[in-house]
């Protein structure tokens, strides 16, 4: 087996290899001077400006921008060594969206920024509700925000006391829901859903009226009465036809003198 010795490699070749290795490892991509993935916190309706730069390049490099997995269509001149994108305004729906910039020739040289868009909840419209006594009613208000809001329910400006078995309250990242089963007259009133965001309070009101219980329509009795009337009419028609038939038979037996 033939051994390998650095003595057999020209010194200039080793220097070139080392120099190339250093240049390749020094090339990097940054977004707003960040070379690592990061999260950017901003308020909704604000503007967003991102600058992607190739650091320590020795030749012209082309850059690519992605929104999530979607490639952005940019002017070629805006892709050489430095590339800028702007988003205005930023919407609540942009929360969690990612923007990534990478070298066109080397996808491993890539930086991603994740948007942390902060926004308050948008109050739902006021609602006027009417429900029959003994039935159920549901009230739902929008509480979607970032960060998550604290939610409180009030009845006639007092903290709502939940009655076990009749009042059911649930909360998701988007909605708060209050369900009243077997409504009583005492449930009449104004219900308020309050979403506390930062130091602000967003309110949604529901005006609930409990109506008198309606007597059930006697459908079975009506059907029974209808059947009796129908049968009576049928029997009457049949009896009439038999009477006419007998009369016809008797008439045929008369002989003219």
Protein backbone atom coordinates (compact mmCIF):
# COMPACT_ATOMS: atom_id res chain seq x y z
CA UNK A 1 0.00 0.00 0.00
CA UNK A 2 1.39 3.37 -0.97
CA UNK A 3 1.32 5.98 1.79
CA UNK A 4 0.39 9.64 1.33
CA UNK A 5 2.74 12.41 2.34
CA UNK A 6 2.26 16.17 2.33
CA UNK A 7 5.82 16.35 1.05
CA UNK A 8 4.49 15.27 -2.34
CA UNK A 9 1.91 18.16 -2.49
CA UNK A 10 3.11 21.54 -3.74
CA UNK A 11 2.94 24.19 -1.06
CA UNK A 12 1.03 26.59 -3.33
CA UNK A 13 -1.77 24.04 -3.74
CA UNK A 14 -2.20 23.70 0.02
CA UNK A 15 -2.36 27.50 0.40
CA UNK A 16 -5.05 27.75 -2.31
CA UNK A 17 -7.15 25.02 -0.67
CA UNK A 18 -6.94 26.69 2.73
CA UNK A 19 -7.82 30.07 1.23
CA UNK A 20 -10.85 28.69 -0.64
CA UNK A 21 -12.03 26.85 2.47
CA UNK A 22 -11.90 30.05 4.51
CA UNK A 23 -13.76 32.05 1.87
CA UNK A 24 -16.52 29.46 1.51
CA UNK A 25 -17.08 29.15 5.26
CA UNK A 26 -17.11 32.94 5.68
CA UNK A 27 -20.05 33.51 3.31
CA UNK A 28 -23.27 34.01 5.27
CA UNK A 29 -26.79 35.35 4.88
CA UNK A 30 -28.38 37.78 7.34
CA UNK A 31 -31.83 39.33 7.73
CA UNK A 32 -31.69 42.73 9.40
CA UNK A 33 -28.18 41.78 10.60
CA UNK A 34 -29.41 38.50 12.16
CA UNK A 35 -27.50 35.44 10.98
CA UNK A 36 -29.70 32.99 12.94
CA UNK A 37 -33.43 32.29 12.81
CA UNK A 38 -35.37 34.65 15.07
CA UNK A 39 -38.84 35.95 16.01
CA UNK A 40 -39.87 39.53 15.28
CA UNK A 41 -42.56 41.07 17.51
CA UNK A 42 -44.61 43.93 16.05
CA UNK A 43 -48.09 45.45 16.25
CA UNK A 44 -50.79 44.89 13.68
CA UNK A 45 -51.23 47.68 11.10
CA UNK A 46 -47.53 48.47 11.39
CA UNK A 47 -45.12 48.28 8.47
CA UNK A 48 -42.52 45.56 8.07
CA UNK A 49 -39.19 46.01 6.29
CA UNK A 50 -36.74 43.13 5.89
CA UNK A 51 -33.26 43.40 4.36
CA UNK A 52 -31.40 40.24 3.36
CA UNK A 53 -27.66 40.60 2.83
CA UNK A 54 -24.89 38.26 1.68
CA UNK A 55 -21.93 38.72 4.02
CA UNK A 56 -18.30 38.31 2.91
CA UNK A 57 -19.12 37.40 -0.69
CA UNK A 58 -16.36 37.46 -3.31
CA UNK A 59 -18.65 37.15 -6.30
CA UNK A 60 -22.14 38.31 -7.12
CA UNK A 61 -24.72 36.18 -5.32
CA UNK A 62 -28.43 35.82 -6.07
CA UNK A 63 -30.91 35.75 -3.20
CA UNK A 64 -34.36 34.14 -2.91
CA UNK A 65 -37.20 35.12 -0.59
CA UNK A 66 -39.94 32.77 0.64
CA UNK A 67 -43.19 33.52 2.49
CA UNK A 68 -43.79 30.21 4.17
CA UNK A 69 -43.18 27.72 1.34
CA UNK A 70 -44.12 30.18 -1.41
CA UNK A 71 -41.34 31.73 -3.50
CA UNK A 72 -41.71 35.50 -3.84
CA UNK A 73 -41.44 37.01 -7.30
CA UNK A 74 -38.87 39.82 -7.06
CA UNK A 75 -37.11 42.05 -9.55
CA UNK A 76 -33.73 40.59 -10.55
CA UNK A 77 -31.95 43.75 -9.45
CA UNK A 78 -33.46 43.24 -6.01
CA UNK A 79 -31.87 39.82 -5.71
CA UNK A 80 -28.17 40.63 -6.13
CA UNK A 81 -26.19 40.50 -2.87
CA UNK A 82 -28.78 42.63 -1.04
CA UNK A 83 -32.54 42.08 -1.26
CA UNK A 84 -35.33 44.04 0.44
CA UNK A 85 -39.00 43.27 0.97
CA UNK A 86 -41.70 45.37 2.63
CA UNK A 87 -45.11 44.43 4.04
CA UNK A 88 -47.67 47.15 4.80
CA UNK A 89 -49.87 46.95 6.64
CA UNK A 90 -49.34 43.87 8.77
CA UNK A 91 -52.63 42.06 9.50
CA UNK A 92 -53.55 39.87 12.50
CA UNK A 93 -53.66 36.95 10.06
CA UNK A 94 -49.91 37.44 9.51
CA UNK A 95 -49.23 36.22 13.03
CA UNK A 96 -46.99 33.15 12.84
CA UNK A 97 -46.08 33.72 9.18
CA UNK A 98 -42.42 33.11 8.27
CA UNK A 99 -40.18 34.91 5.80
CA UNK A 100 -36.98 33.17 4.71
CA UNK A 101 -34.02 34.40 2.66
CA UNK A 102 -31.41 32.09 1.15
CA UNK A 103 -28.66 31.89 -1.43
CA UNK A 104 -29.94 30.72 -4.77
CA UNK A 105 -26.95 28.42 -5.23
CA UNK A 106 -26.95 27.03 -1.69
CA UNK A 107 -30.23 26.52 0.19
CA UNK A 108 -28.37 25.68 3.41
CA UNK A 109 -27.34 29.33 3.71
CA UNK A 110 -30.74 30.46 4.87
CA UNK A 111 -32.25 32.62 7.64
CA UNK A 112 -35.90 32.63 8.72
CA UNK A 113 -37.84 35.28 10.64
CA UNK A 114 -41.17 34.39 12.29
CA UNK A 115 -43.70 37.19 12.81
CA UNK A 116 -45.23 37.63 16.26
CA UNK A 117 -48.05 40.04 15.41
CA UNK A 118 -49.78 41.46 18.46
CA UNK A 119 -53.42 42.54 18.11
CA UNK A 120 -56.45 43.09 20.34
CA UNK A 121 -59.76 41.24 20.02
CA UNK A 122 -62.40 42.70 17.73
CA UNK A 123 -65.70 42.93 19.66
CA UNK A 124 -68.70 41.10 18.24
CA UNK A 125 -71.87 43.05 17.42
CA UNK A 126 -74.53 43.53 20.09
CA UNK A 127 -77.31 40.97 19.91
CA UNK A 128 -80.96 40.94 21.00
CA UNK A 129 -82.04 37.42 21.92
CA UNK A 130 -85.46 36.03 22.77
CA UNK A 131 -86.04 32.49 23.96
CA UNK A 132 -89.04 30.64 25.30
CA UNK A 133 -89.01 29.73 28.96
CA UNK A 134 -87.64 26.24 29.47
CA UNK A 135 -85.51 26.25 26.32
CA UNK A 136 -81.79 26.88 25.84
CA UNK A 137 -79.87 29.90 24.52
CA UNK A 138 -76.23 30.42 23.48
CA UNK A 139 -74.14 33.62 23.49
CA UNK A 140 -70.80 33.75 21.68
CA UNK A 141 -68.26 36.59 21.56
CA UNK A 142 -64.98 36.98 19.70
CA UNK A 143 -61.91 37.06 21.97
CA UNK A 144 -59.18 36.19 19.46
CA UNK A 145 -56.04 38.21 20.22
CA UNK A 146 -52.29 37.95 20.63
CA UNK A 147 -51.38 37.57 23.41
CA UNK A 148 -54.51 35.76 24.64
CA UNK A 149 -57.08 37.96 26.40
CA UNK A 150 -58.59 37.38 29.81
CA UNK A 151 -62.36 36.89 29.57
CA UNK A 152 -65.08 37.78 32.08
CA UNK A 153 -68.89 37.50 31.90
CA UNK A 154 -71.30 39.89 33.63
CA UNK A 155 -75.09 40.02 34.05
CA UNK A 156 -76.65 43.44 34.58
CA UNK A 157 -73.16 44.85 35.39
CA UNK A 158 -72.54 42.26 38.10
CA UNK A 159 -70.19 39.29 37.91
CA UNK A 160 -72.16 36.37 36.49
CA UNK A 161 -72.63 33.58 39.00
CA UNK A 162 -72.79 30.29 37.15
CA UNK A 163 -75.60 27.99 38.19
CA UNK A 164 -74.43 24.40 38.12
CA UNK A 165 -76.28 22.29 35.61
CA UNK A 166 -77.78 25.29 33.76
CA UNK A 167 -74.90 27.63 32.95
CA UNK A 168 -72.02 26.36 30.84
CA UNK A 169 -69.03 28.54 29.92
CA UNK A 170 -66.27 27.58 27.45
CA UNK A 171 -63.23 29.35 26.02
CA UNK A 172 -61.05 28.76 22.95
CA UNK A 173 -58.33 30.93 21.41
CA UNK A 174 -61.00 32.58 19.25
CA UNK A 175 -64.32 32.53 21.10
CA UNK A 176 -65.90 32.62 24.54
CA UNK A 177 -69.30 30.95 24.78
CA UNK A 178 -72.01 31.08 27.45
CA UNK A 179 -74.85 28.55 27.25
CA UNK A 180 -77.99 28.72 29.42
CA UNK A 181 -80.11 25.59 29.41
CA UNK A 182 -83.74 25.50 30.60
CA UNK A 183 -84.07 29.28 30.67
CA UNK A 184 -86.02 30.89 33.53
CA UNK A 185 -87.69 34.28 33.83
CA UNK A 186 -84.91 35.25 36.22
CA UNK A 187 -82.45 34.90 33.32
CA UNK A 188 -83.86 38.07 31.74
CA UNK A 189 -81.23 40.79 31.51
CA UNK A 190 -78.14 42.19 29.82
CA UNK A 191 -75.14 39.90 29.52
CA UNK A 192 -71.69 41.35 28.83
CA UNK A 193 -68.64 39.49 27.57
CA UNK A 194 -65.49 41.43 28.51
CA UNK A 195 -62.13 40.63 26.91
CA UNK A 196 -59.22 42.24 28.78
CA UNK A 197 -56.24 42.90 26.50
CA UNK A 198 -53.23 44.69 27.95
CA UNK A 199 -54.95 47.55 29.80
CA UNK A 200 -57.92 47.76 27.41
CA UNK A 201 -61.37 46.21 27.79
CA UNK A 202 -63.46 45.17 24.80
CA UNK A 203 -67.12 44.48 25.50
CA UNK A 204 -69.89 42.63 23.67
CA UNK A 205 -73.46 42.90 24.99
CA UNK A 206 -76.36 40.48 24.70
CA UNK A 207 -79.90 41.59 25.60
CA UNK A 208 -81.80 38.47 26.63
CA UNK A 209 -85.59 38.24 26.93
CA UNK A 210 -87.30 35.13 28.30
CA UNK A 211 -90.74 34.73 26.74
CA UNK A 212 -93.75 32.93 28.21
CA UNK A 213 -93.95 29.23 27.58
CA UNK A 214 -96.19 28.46 24.61
CA UNK A 215 -98.75 25.69 24.97
CA UNK A 216 -97.93 22.83 22.61
CA UNK A 217 -100.16 22.58 19.56
CA UNK A 218 -102.58 19.58 20.04
CA UNK A 219 -101.52 17.93 16.83
CA UNK A 220 -102.68 14.43 17.83
CA UNK A 221 -106.14 15.68 18.78
CA UNK A 222 -106.47 17.57 15.50
CA UNK A 223 -105.42 14.48 13.53
CA UNK A 224 -107.89 12.27 15.44
CA UNK A 225 -110.73 14.74 14.86
CA UNK A 226 -109.84 14.91 11.17
CA UNK A 227 -109.92 11.13 10.90
CA UNK A 228 -113.37 11.01 12.55
CA UNK A 229 -114.73 13.66 10.18
CA UNK A 230 -113.25 11.88 7.17
CA UNK A 231 -114.66 8.49 8.18
CA UNK A 232 -118.10 10.02 8.88
CA UNK A 233 -118.11 11.59 5.43
CA UNK A 234 -117.07 8.30 3.79
CA UNK A 235 -119.77 6.32 5.63
CA UNK A 236 -122.34 8.95 4.65
CA UNK A 237 -121.39 8.74 0.98
CA UNK A 238 -121.51 4.92 1.03
CA UNK A 239 -124.92 4.88 2.74
CA UNK A 240 -126.29 7.39 0.25
CA UNK A 241 -125.08 5.33 -2.70
CA UNK A 242 -126.75 2.16 -1.28
CA UNK A 243 -130.01 4.05 -0.83
CA UNK A 244 -129.94 5.29 -4.41
CA UNK A 245 -129.13 1.78 -5.66
CA UNK A 246 -132.10 0.24 -3.81
CA UNK A 247 -134.37 2.94 -5.12
CA UNK A 248 -133.26 2.13 -8.66
CA UNK A 249 -133.98 -1.56 -8.18
CA UNK A 250 -137.52 -0.89 -6.91
CA UNK A 251 -138.27 1.39 -9.86
CA UNK A 252 -137.35 -1.31 -12.37
CA UNK A 253 -140.09 -3.60 -11.02
CA UNK A 254 -142.96 -1.19 -11.85
CA UNK A 255 -145.12 -2.32 -14.85
CA UNK A 256 -147.14 0.22 -16.80
CA UNK A 257 -150.76 -0.74 -17.43
